[in-house]
C-alpha atoms as a PDB file:
ATOM      1  CA  MET A   1       0.000   0.000   0.000  1.00  0.00           C
ATOM      2  CA  SER A   2       1.411   3.425  -0.952  1.00  0.00           C
ATOM      3  CA  ASN A   3       2.002   6.155   1.627  1.00  0.00           C
ATOM      4  CA  LYS A   4      -0.937   8.152   0.226  1.00  0.00           C
ATOM      5  CA  ALA A   5      -3.275   5.174   0.496  1.00  0.00           C
ATOM      6  CA  THR A   6      -2.075   4.486   4.052  1.00  0.00           C
ATOM      7  CA  LEU A   7      -2.570   8.133   4.999  1.00  0.00           C
ATOM      8  CA  GLU A   8      -6.097   8.150   3.565  1.00  0.00           C
ATOM      9  CA  LYS A   9      -6.951   5.013   5.533  1.00  0.00           C
ATOM     10  CA  ASP A  10      -5.506   6.572   8.712  1.00  0.00           C
ATOM     11  CA  ALA A  11      -7.378   9.834   8.116  1.00  0.00           C
ATOM     12  CA  MET A  12     -10.733   8.077   7.844  1.00  0.00           C
ATOM     13  CA  LYS A  13      -9.972   5.953  10.912  1.00  0.00           C
ATOM     14  CA  VAL A  14      -9.116   8.997  13.046  1.00  0.00           C
ATOM     15  CA  LEU A  15     -12.097  10.877  11.632  1.00  0.00           C
ATOM     16  CA  LYS A  16     -14.414   8.078  12.739  1.00  0.00           C
ATOM     17  CA  GLN A  17     -12.872   8.158  16.231  1.00  0.00           C
ATOM     18  CA  THR A  18     -13.248  11.932  16.603  1.00  0.00           C
ATOM     19  CA  SER A  19     -16.578  12.860  15.019  1.00  0.00           C
ATOM     20  CA  ARG A  20     -19.786  10.888  14.758  1.00  0.00           C
ATOM     21  CA  THR A  21     -21.572  13.920  13.282  1.00  0.00           C
ATOM     22  CA  PHE A  22     -19.182  14.522  10.388  1.00  0.00           C
ATOM     23  CA  TYR A  23     -17.789  11.051   9.662  1.00  0.00           C
ATOM     24  CA  ILE A  24     -20.909   9.819   7.850  1.00  0.00           C
ATOM     25  CA  PRO A  25     -21.366  12.841   5.533  1.00  0.00           C
ATOM     26  CA  ILE A  26     -17.622  12.970   4.768  1.00  0.00           C
ATOM     27  CA  LYS A  27     -17.680   9.276   3.819  1.00  0.00           C
ATOM     28  CA  LEU A  28     -20.500  10.063   1.351  1.00  0.00           C
ATOM     29  CA  LEU A  29     -18.461  12.693  -0.519  1.00  0.00           C
ATOM     30  CA  ASN A  30     -16.753  11.835  -3.803  1.00  0.00           C
ATOM     31  CA  LYS A  31     -13.043  11.031  -3.626  1.00  0.00           C
ATOM     32  CA  THR A  32     -11.722  14.571  -4.199  1.00  0.00           C
ATOM     33  CA  LEU A  33     -14.088  16.211  -1.741  1.00  0.00           C
ATOM     34  CA  ARG A  34     -13.739  13.397   0.795  1.00  0.00           C
ATOM     35  CA  LYS A  35      -9.968  13.863   0.866  1.00  0.00           C
ATOM     36  CA  THR A  36     -10.215  17.664   1.025  1.00  0.00           C
ATOM     37  CA  VAL A  37     -12.982  18.002   3.610  1.00  0.00           C
ATOM     38  CA  GLY A  38     -11.550  15.096   5.616  1.00  0.00           C
ATOM     39  CA  SER A  39      -8.101  16.662   5.882  1.00  0.00           C
ATOM     40  CA  ALA A  40      -9.544  20.126   6.599  1.00  0.00           C
ATOM     41  CA  TYR A  41     -11.822  18.791   9.332  1.00  0.00           C
ATOM     42  CA  LEU A  42      -8.950  16.872  10.945  1.00  0.00           C
ATOM     43  CA  CYS A  43      -6.732  19.988  10.930  1.00  0.00           C
ATOM     44  CA  MET A  44      -9.394  21.947  12.778  1.00  0.00           C
ATOM     45  CA  ARG A  45     -10.174  19.078  15.120  1.00  0.00           C
ATOM     46  CA  ALA A  46      -6.461  18.867  15.970  1.00  0.00           C
ATOM     47  CA  VAL A  47      -6.459  22.394  17.423  1.00  0.00           C
ATOM     48  CA  ASP A  48      -9.942  21.985  18.936  1.00  0.00           C
ATOM     49  CA  GLU A  49      -8.713  19.041  21.036  1.00  0.00           C
ATOM     50  CA  ILE A  50      -6.053  21.305  22.584  1.00  0.00           C
ATOM     51  CA  GLU A  51      -8.595  24.013  23.473  1.00  0.00           C
ATOM     52  CA  ASP A  52     -11.043  21.431  24.784  1.00  0.00           C
ATOM     53  CA  HIS A  53      -8.606  19.411  26.927  1.00  0.00           C
ATOM     54  CA  GLU A  54     -10.090  19.073  30.396  1.00  0.00           C
ATOM     55  CA  GLU A  55      -6.854  18.644  32.377  1.00  0.00           C
ATOM     56  CA  MET A  56      -4.186  20.625  30.533  1.00  0.00           C
ATOM     57  CA  ASP A  57      -2.962  23.875  32.108  1.00  0.00           C
ATOM     58  CA  ALA A  58      -4.358  27.028  30.445  1.00  0.00           C
ATOM     59  CA  GLU A  59      -0.908  28.539  29.814  1.00  0.00           C
ATOM     60  CA  ILE A  60       0.231  25.368  28.054  1.00  0.00           C
ATOM     61  CA  LYS A  61      -2.917  25.421  25.898  1.00  0.00           C
ATOM     62  CA  GLN A  62      -2.303  29.044  24.923  1.00  0.00           C
ATOM     63  CA  HIS A  63       1.332  28.312  24.092  1.00  0.00           C
ATOM     64  CA  LEU A  64       0.463  25.272  21.946  1.00  0.00           C
ATOM     65  CA  LEU A  65      -2.367  27.061  20.135  1.00  0.00           C
ATOM     66  CA  MET A  66      -0.379  30.225  19.387  1.00  0.00           C
ATOM     67  CA  GLU A  67       2.707  28.330  18.223  1.00  0.00           C
ATOM     68  CA  THR A  68       0.571  26.063  16.043  1.00  0.00           C
ATOM     69  CA  SER A  69      -1.150  29.120  14.577  1.00  0.00           C
ATOM     70  CA  GLN A  70       2.229  30.590  13.641  1.00  0.00           C
ATOM     71  CA  LEU A  71       3.462  27.344  12.063  1.00  0.00           C
ATOM     72  CA  LEU A  72       0.296  27.176   9.940  1.00  0.00           C
ATOM     73  CA  LYS A  73       1.013  30.672   8.585  1.00  0.00           C
ATOM     74  CA  GLU A  74       4.310  29.525   7.043  1.00  0.00           C
ATOM     75  CA  SER A  75       4.346  28.668   3.328  1.00  0.00           C
ATOM     76  CA  VAL A  76       5.483  25.136   4.201  1.00  0.00           C
ATOM     77  CA  PHE A  77       4.250  23.512   7.418  1.00  0.00           C
ATOM     78  CA  ASN A  78       7.321  22.600   9.486  1.00  0.00           C
ATOM     79  CA  ARG A  79       6.677  19.028  10.590  1.00  0.00           C
ATOM     80  CA  ASN A  80       9.787  18.825  12.776  1.00  0.00           C
ATOM     81  CA  ALA A  81       8.985  22.060  14.597  1.00  0.00           C
ATOM     82  CA  TYR A  82       5.412  20.908  15.245  1.00  0.00           C
ATOM     83  CA  ASP A  83       6.527  17.459  16.435  1.00  0.00           C
ATOM     84  CA  GLN A  84       8.955  19.116  18.866  1.00  0.00           C
ATOM     85  CA  LEU A  85       6.200  21.452  20.061  1.00  0.00           C
ATOM     86  CA  VAL A  86       3.766  18.656  20.967  1.00  0.00           C
ATOM     87  CA  ALA A  87       6.320  15.999  22.000  1.00  0.00           C
ATOM     88  CA  PRO A  88       6.283  16.932  25.738  1.00  0.00           C
ATOM     89  CA  TYR A  89       2.491  16.397  25.765  1.00  0.00           C
ATOM     90  CA  GLU A  90       2.219  13.275  23.629  1.00  0.00           C
ATOM     91  CA  LYS A  91       0.682  11.282  26.492  1.00  0.00           C
ATOM     92  CA  GLU A  92      -2.019  13.921  27.034  1.00  0.00           C
ATOM     93  CA  LEU A  93      -2.937  14.820  23.470  1.00  0.00           C
ATOM     94  CA  PRO A  94      -4.968  12.571  21.152  1.00  0.00           C
ATOM     95  CA  GLU A  95      -3.726  11.132  17.851  1.00  0.00           C
ATOM     96  CA  VAL A  96      -5.675  13.672  15.807  1.00  0.00           C
ATOM     97  CA  THR A  97      -3.633  16.499  17.395  1.00  0.00           C
ATOM     98  CA  LEU A  98      -0.254  14.775  17.380  1.00  0.00           C
ATOM     99  CA  ARG A  99      -0.610  14.081  13.650  1.00  0.00           C
ATOM    100  CA  LEU A 100      -1.557  17.565  12.431  1.00  0.00           C
ATOM    101  CA  ALA A 101       1.385  17.512   9.985  1.00  0.00           C
ATOM    102  CA  ASP A 102      -0.098  14.395   8.341  1.00  0.00           C
ATOM    103  CA  TRP A 103      -3.483  16.054   7.861  1.00  0.00           C
ATOM    104  CA  VAL A 104      -1.823  19.105   6.270  1.00  0.00           C
ATOM    105  CA  ALA A 105       0.169  16.809   3.974  1.00  0.00           C
ATOM    106  CA  PHE A 106      -3.009  14.916   3.043  1.00  0.00           C
ATOM    107  CA  CYS A 107      -4.741  18.102   1.850  1.00  0.00           C
ATOM    108  CA  PRO A 108      -4.662  18.760  -1.938  1.00  0.00           C
ATOM    109  CA  ASP A 109      -1.883  21.272  -2.685  1.00  0.00           C
ATOM    110  CA  ASP A 110      -4.015  23.949  -4.350  1.00  0.00           C
ATOM    111  CA  ILE A 111      -6.446  24.314  -1.416  1.00  0.00           C
ATOM    112  CA  GLU A 112      -3.907  23.700   1.384  1.00  0.00           C
ATOM    113  CA  ARG A 113      -3.178  27.417   1.894  1.00  0.00           C
ATOM    114  CA  ARG A 114      -6.836  28.225   2.615  1.00  0.00           C
ATOM    115  CA  VAL A 115      -7.205  25.299   4.994  1.00  0.00           C
ATOM    116  CA  LYS A 116      -4.063  26.336   6.877  1.00  0.00           C
ATOM    117  CA  ASP A 117      -5.226  29.974   7.070  1.00  0.00           C
ATOM    118  CA  SER A 118      -8.625  29.042   8.526  1.00  0.00           C
ATOM    119  CA  THR A 119      -7.079  26.587  10.997  1.00  0.00           C
ATOM    120  CA  SER A 120      -4.464  29.174  12.005  1.00  0.00           C
ATOM    121  CA  GLU A 121      -7.189  31.770  12.662  1.00  0.00           C
ATOM    122  CA  MET A 122      -9.141  29.195  14.673  1.00  0.00           C
ATOM    123  CA  ALA A 123      -6.115  28.293  16.822  1.00  0.00           C
ATOM    124  CA  GLU A 124      -5.363  31.960  17.538  1.00  0.00           C
ATOM    125  CA  GLY A 125      -9.005  32.678  18.414  1.00  0.00           C
ATOM    126  CA  MET A 126      -9.171  29.647  20.690  1.00  0.00           C
ATOM    127  CA  ALA A 127      -6.006  30.806  22.496  1.00  0.00           C
ATOM    128  CA  LYS A 128      -7.774  34.125  23.221  1.00  0.00           C
ATOM    129  CA  TRP A 129     -10.738  32.290  24.717  1.00  0.00           C
ATOM    130  CA  VAL A 130      -8.540  30.042  26.833  1.00  0.00           C
ATOM    131  CA  GLU A 131      -6.998  33.253  28.243  1.00  0.00           C
ATOM    132  CA  LYS A 132     -10.517  34.618  28.943  1.00  0.00           C
ATOM    133  CA  ASP A 133     -11.351  31.318  30.659  1.00  0.00           C
ATOM    134  CA  TRP A 134     -14.308  31.018  28.238  1.00  0.00           C
ATOM    135  CA  HIS A 135     -16.123  33.765  30.145  1.00  0.00           C
ATOM    136  CA  VAL A 136     -18.985  34.711  27.813  1.00  0.00           C
ATOM    137  CA  GLN A 137     -20.682  37.849  29.151  1.00  0.00           C
ATOM    138  CA  THR A 138     -22.551  39.318  26.153  1.00  0.00           C
ATOM    139  CA  LYS A 139     -24.095  38.224  22.851  1.00  0.00           C
ATOM    140  CA  GLU A 140     -21.068  39.796  21.139  1.00  0.00           C
ATOM    141  CA  ASP A 141     -18.828  37.489  23.185  1.00  0.00           C
ATOM    142  CA  LEU A 142     -20.940  34.507  22.180  1.00  0.00           C
ATOM    143  CA  ASP A 143     -20.778  35.533  18.521  1.00  0.00           C
ATOM    144  CA  GLU A 144     -16.997  35.829  18.710  1.00  0.00           C
ATOM    145  CA  TYR A 145     -16.561  32.498  20.480  1.00  0.00           C
ATOM    146  CA  THR A 146     -18.892  30.591  18.142  1.00  0.00           C
ATOM    147  CA  TYR A 147     -17.184  32.195  15.130  1.00  0.00           C
ATOM    148  CA  TYR A 148     -13.781  30.860  16.155  1.00  0.00           C
ATOM    149  CA  VAL A 149     -14.896  27.354  17.114  1.00  0.00           C
ATOM    150  CA  ALA A 150     -17.547  26.741  14.427  1.00  0.00           C
ATOM    151  CA  GLY A 151     -18.245  29.675  12.101  1.00  0.00           C
ATOM    152  CA  LEU A 152     -14.751  29.240  10.685  1.00  0.00           C
ATOM    153  CA  VAL A 153     -15.649  25.658   9.742  1.00  0.00           C
ATOM    154  CA  GLY A 154     -18.461  27.080   7.612  1.00  0.00           C
ATOM    155  CA  VAL A 155     -16.097  29.601   6.003  1.00  0.00           C
ATOM    156  CA  MET A 156     -13.540  26.908   5.225  1.00  0.00           C
ATOM    157  CA  LEU A 157     -16.180  24.602   3.726  1.00  0.00           C
ATOM    158  CA  SER A 158     -17.381  27.444   1.501  1.00  0.00           C
ATOM    159  CA  ASP A 159     -13.798  27.973   0.321  1.00  0.00           C
ATOM    160  CA  ILE A 160     -13.623  24.274  -0.538  1.00  0.00           C
ATOM    161  CA  TRP A 161     -16.930  24.308  -2.455  1.00  0.00           C
ATOM    162  CA  ASN A 162     -15.727  27.329  -4.450  1.00  0.00           C
ATOM    163  CA  TRP A 163     -12.375  25.695  -5.189  1.00  0.00           C
ATOM    164  CA  TYR A 164     -14.054  22.446  -6.203  1.00  0.00           C
ATOM    165  CA  ASP A 165     -16.607  23.660  -8.747  1.00  0.00           C
ATOM    166  CA  GLY A 166     -17.069  27.417  -8.395  1.00  0.00           C
ATOM    167  CA  THR A 167     -20.017  27.167  -5.956  1.00  0.00           C
ATOM    168  CA  GLU A 168     -20.612  30.672  -4.538  1.00  0.00           C
ATOM    169  CA  THR A 169     -22.041  31.005  -1.030  1.00  0.00           C
ATOM    170  CA  ASP A 170     -22.574  33.959   1.297  1.00  0.00           C
ATOM    171  CA  ARG A 171     -19.900  34.195   4.009  1.00  0.00           C
ATOM    172  CA  ASP A 172     -22.350  35.350   6.720  1.00  0.00           C
ATOM    173  CA  LEU A 173     -24.683  32.436   5.961  1.00  0.00           C
ATOM    174  CA  ALA A 174     -21.714  30.032   6.063  1.00  0.00           C
ATOM    175  CA  ILE A 175     -20.798  31.396   9.504  1.00  0.00           C
ATOM    176  CA  GLY A 176     -24.451  31.010  10.559  1.00  0.00           C
ATOM    177  CA  TYR A 177     -24.321  27.368   9.486  1.00  0.00           C
ATOM    178  CA  GLY A 178     -21.384  26.712  11.827  1.00  0.00           C
ATOM    179  CA  ARG A 179     -22.782  28.869  14.630  1.00  0.00           C
ATOM    180  CA  GLY A 180     -26.154  27.114  14.472  1.00  0.00           C
ATOM    181  CA  LEU A 181     -24.580  23.684  14.950  1.00  0.00           C
ATOM    182  CA  GLN A 182     -22.427  25.017  17.805  1.00  0.00           C
ATOM    183  CA  ALA A 183     -25.382  26.688  19.570  1.00  0.00           C
ATOM    184  CA  VAL A 184     -27.247  23.366  19.545  1.00  0.00           C
ATOM    185  CA  ASN A 185     -24.139  21.701  21.038  1.00  0.00           C
ATOM    186  CA  ILE A 186     -24.009  24.360  23.776  1.00  0.00           C
ATOM    187  CA  LEU A 187     -27.651  23.658  24.667  1.00  0.00           C
ATOM    188  CA  ARG A 188     -27.117  19.902  24.543  1.00  0.00           C
ATOM    189  CA  ASN A 189     -24.018  20.025  26.776  1.00  0.00           C
ATOM    190  CA  VAL A 190     -25.133  22.734  29.217  1.00  0.00           C
ATOM    191  CA  ASP A 191     -25.215  20.446  32.290  1.00  0.00           C
ATOM    192  CA  GLU A 192     -21.968  18.699  31.376  1.00  0.00           C
ATOM    193  CA  ASP A 193     -20.237  22.075  30.866  1.00  0.00           C
ATOM    194  CA  ALA A 194     -21.573  23.344  34.209  1.00  0.00           C
ATOM    195  CA  GLU A 195     -20.051  20.318  35.970  1.00  0.00           C
ATOM    196  CA  ARG A 196     -16.606  21.342  34.723  1.00  0.00           C
ATOM    197  CA  GLY A 197     -17.200  24.980  35.606  1.00  0.00           C
ATOM    198  CA  VAL A 198     -17.716  26.311  32.085  1.00  0.00           C
ATOM    199  CA  GLY A 199     -20.743  28.156  30.697  1.00  0.00           C
ATOM    200  CA  PHE A 200     -21.351  29.737  27.299  1.00  0.00           C
ATOM    201  CA  PHE A 201     -24.595  31.611  28.052  1.00  0.00           C
ATOM    202  CA  PRO A 202     -24.293  35.423  28.159  1.00  0.00           C
ATOM    203  CA  ASP A 203     -24.818  36.801  31.678  1.00  0.00           C
ATOM    204  CA  ASP A 204     -28.504  37.718  31.319  1.00  0.00           C
ATOM    205  CA  TRP A 205     -29.534  34.760  29.152  1.00  0.00           C
ATOM    206  CA  SER A 206     -31.665  31.746  29.988  1.00  0.00           C
ATOM    207  CA  LYS A 207     -32.302  28.751  27.750  1.00  0.00           C
ATOM    208  CA  LYS A 208     -35.052  30.763  26.054  1.00  0.00           C
ATOM    209  CA  GLU A 209     -32.544  33.242  24.592  1.00  0.00           C
ATOM    210  CA  MET A 210     -30.099  30.493  23.627  1.00  0.00           C
ATOM    211  CA  PHE A 211     -32.872  28.584  21.841  1.00  0.00           C
ATOM    212  CA  ALA A 212     -33.702  31.778  19.905  1.00  0.00           C
ATOM    213  CA  TYR A 213     -29.989  32.262  19.065  1.00  0.00           C
ATOM    214  CA  ALA A 214     -29.717  28.677  17.798  1.00  0.00           C
ATOM    215  CA  GLU A 215     -32.905  29.040  15.728  1.00  0.00           C
ATOM    216  CA  ALA A 216     -31.790  32.329  14.146  1.00  0.00           C
ATOM    217  CA  ASN A 217     -28.493  30.784  13.066  1.00  0.00           C
ATOM    218  CA  LEU A 218     -30.107  27.576  11.823  1.00  0.00           C
ATOM    219  CA  GLN A 219     -32.366  29.777   9.668  1.00  0.00           C
ATOM    220  CA  LYS A 220     -29.189  31.235   8.135  1.00  0.00           C
ATOM    221  CA  ALA A 221     -27.973  27.674   7.623  1.00  0.00           C
ATOM    222  CA  ASP A 222     -31.223  26.863   5.797  1.00  0.00           C
ATOM    223  CA  GLN A 223     -30.642  29.893   3.543  1.00  0.00           C
ATOM    224  CA  TYR A 224     -27.045  28.765   2.987  1.00  0.00           C
ATOM    225  CA  MET A 225     -28.362  25.470   1.634  1.00  0.00           C
ATOM    226  CA  THR A 226     -30.378  27.268  -1.071  1.00  0.00           C
ATOM    227  CA  GLN A 227     -27.113  28.581  -2.560  1.00  0.00           C
ATOM    228  CA  ILE A 228     -25.727  25.078  -3.181  1.00  0.00           C
ATOM    229  CA  SER A 229     -26.754  23.077  -6.244  1.00  0.00           C
ATOM    230  CA  THR A 230     -24.028  20.400  -6.385  1.00  0.00           C
ATOM    231  CA  LYS A 231     -25.806  17.252  -5.164  1.00  0.00           C
ATOM    232  CA  ASN A 232     -22.799  15.716  -3.403  1.00  0.00           C
ATOM    233  CA  ILE A 233     -22.093  18.932  -1.458  1.00  0.00           C
ATOM    234  CA  LEU A 234     -25.782  19.358  -0.663  1.00  0.00           C
ATOM    235  CA  LEU A 235     -25.959  15.834   0.778  1.00  0.00           C
ATOM    236  CA  PHE A 236     -22.912  16.524   2.950  1.00  0.00           C
ATOM    237  CA  CYS A 237     -24.392  19.744   4.355  1.00  0.00           C
ATOM    238  CA  GLN A 238     -27.901  18.348   4.883  1.00  0.00           C
ATOM    239  CA  ILE A 239     -26.969  15.639   7.382  1.00  0.00           C
ATOM    240  CA  PRO A 240     -25.424  17.746  10.225  1.00  0.00           C
ATOM    241  CA  LEU A 241     -28.062  20.443   9.665  1.00  0.00           C
ATOM    242  CA  ALA A 242     -31.001  18.013   9.842  1.00  0.00           C
ATOM    243  CA  LEU A 243     -29.532  16.464  13.015  1.00  0.00           C
ATOM    244  CA  ALA A 244     -29.121  19.943  14.556  1.00  0.00           C
ATOM    245  CA  HIS A 245     -32.747  20.883  13.795  1.00  0.00           C
ATOM    246  CA  LYS A 246     -34.024  17.609  15.228  1.00  0.00           C
ATOM    247  CA  THR A 247     -31.785  17.820  18.295  1.00  0.00           C
ATOM    248  CA  LEU A 248     -33.046  21.348  18.972  1.00  0.00           C
ATOM    249  CA  ASN A 249     -36.648  20.127  18.759  1.00  0.00           C
ATOM    250  CA  ALA A 250     -35.837  17.237  21.109  1.00  0.00           C
ATOM    251  CA  LEU A 251     -34.231  19.618  23.632  1.00  0.00           C
ATOM    252  CA  LYS A 252     -37.242  21.955  23.440  1.00  0.00           C
ATOM    253  CA  SER A 253     -39.545  19.061  24.270  1.00  0.00           C
ATOM    254  CA  GLY A 254     -37.468  18.217  27.341  1.00  0.00           C
ATOM    255  CA  LYS A 255     -35.361  15.335  26.020  1.00  0.00           C
ATOM    256  CA  GLU A 256     -31.603  15.308  26.601  1.00  0.00           C
ATOM    257  CA  LYS A 257     -30.820  14.405  22.973  1.00  0.00           C
ATOM    258  CA  MET A 258     -32.063  12.420  19.987  1.00  0.00           C
ATOM    259  CA  SER A 259     -32.129   8.652  20.329  1.00  0.00           C
ATOM    260  CA  ARG A 260     -29.684   6.585  18.271  1.00  0.00           C
ATOM    261  CA  ASP A 261     -32.626   5.225  16.254  1.00  0.00           C
ATOM    262  CA  GLU A 262     -33.814   8.756  15.459  1.00  0.00           C
ATOM    263  CA  VAL A 263     -30.314   9.721  14.314  1.00  0.00           C
ATOM    264  CA  GLU A 264     -30.026   6.668  12.049  1.00  0.00           C
ATOM    265  CA  GLU A 265     -33.531   7.193  10.669  1.00  0.00           C
ATOM    266  CA  THR A 266     -32.761  10.859   9.865  1.00  0.00           C
ATOM    267  CA  VAL A 267     -29.483  10.024   8.123  1.00  0.00           C
ATOM    268  CA  ASP A 268     -31.054   7.146   6.140  1.00  0.00           C
ATOM    269  CA  ARG A 269     -33.932   9.343   4.998  1.00  0.00           C
ATOM    270  CA  ILE A 270     -31.552  12.031   3.660  1.00  0.00           C
ATOM    271  CA  ILE A 271     -29.302   9.498   1.916  1.00  0.00           C
ATOM    272  CA  ASN A 272     -32.217   7.663   0.306  1.00  0.00           C
ATOM    273  CA  SER A 273     -33.978  10.814  -0.830  1.00  0.00           C
END
């Protein structure tokens, strides 16, 4: 098996381990898009796992995120420098983070720069929020936080669609797509986050306001979908969005989340339609 084939197999394996929501739609993409979106998602997940680490010291997180951001700005990603950066923490960090250089290498050359730029911006933004101890006080704070951790995913995907076949999408709607998914996650994980002393609700907000915020952004996501005509891209975008809408409805009715059967039924219905 060639190195490229081995890397592709590894990428899909790590993707499956790190994201139930995105693994299925990425698997359904054609070969070019699967490779591109897969590598881009893994790059962003690599920095997200640093920000999200429950035991790592905040100063170490900031250092790793800022240094990674700088390395991603270089014309050629310095594998040795990155490996040296994360080596002291190899027992704490997951495979997806330790192998960031592989995910950059896996990305098609002519879209790599955009993927690195978006991931670099994400890492820098996450470092800021680690320093703030994720203290969201206002809607503006929430908008900034959700932009860095999820809106940027929407922006990067739109860059990929444009690179792939010239698909034009509105940047604000792309950000809304990412923000909508993240707002649903915040609502779904509110008790779990509280247990670890973290909260993403602005100071004067209750669940009512967060539900409205999630709905407003999911409406933007619905508009975003109307700008896409490529069937394979549309299928990819429909699955996480449909799951977010259904999860939000489940949370509103007092459930903790969708059942596994409901998830599978939703995914099957989209694929078969």
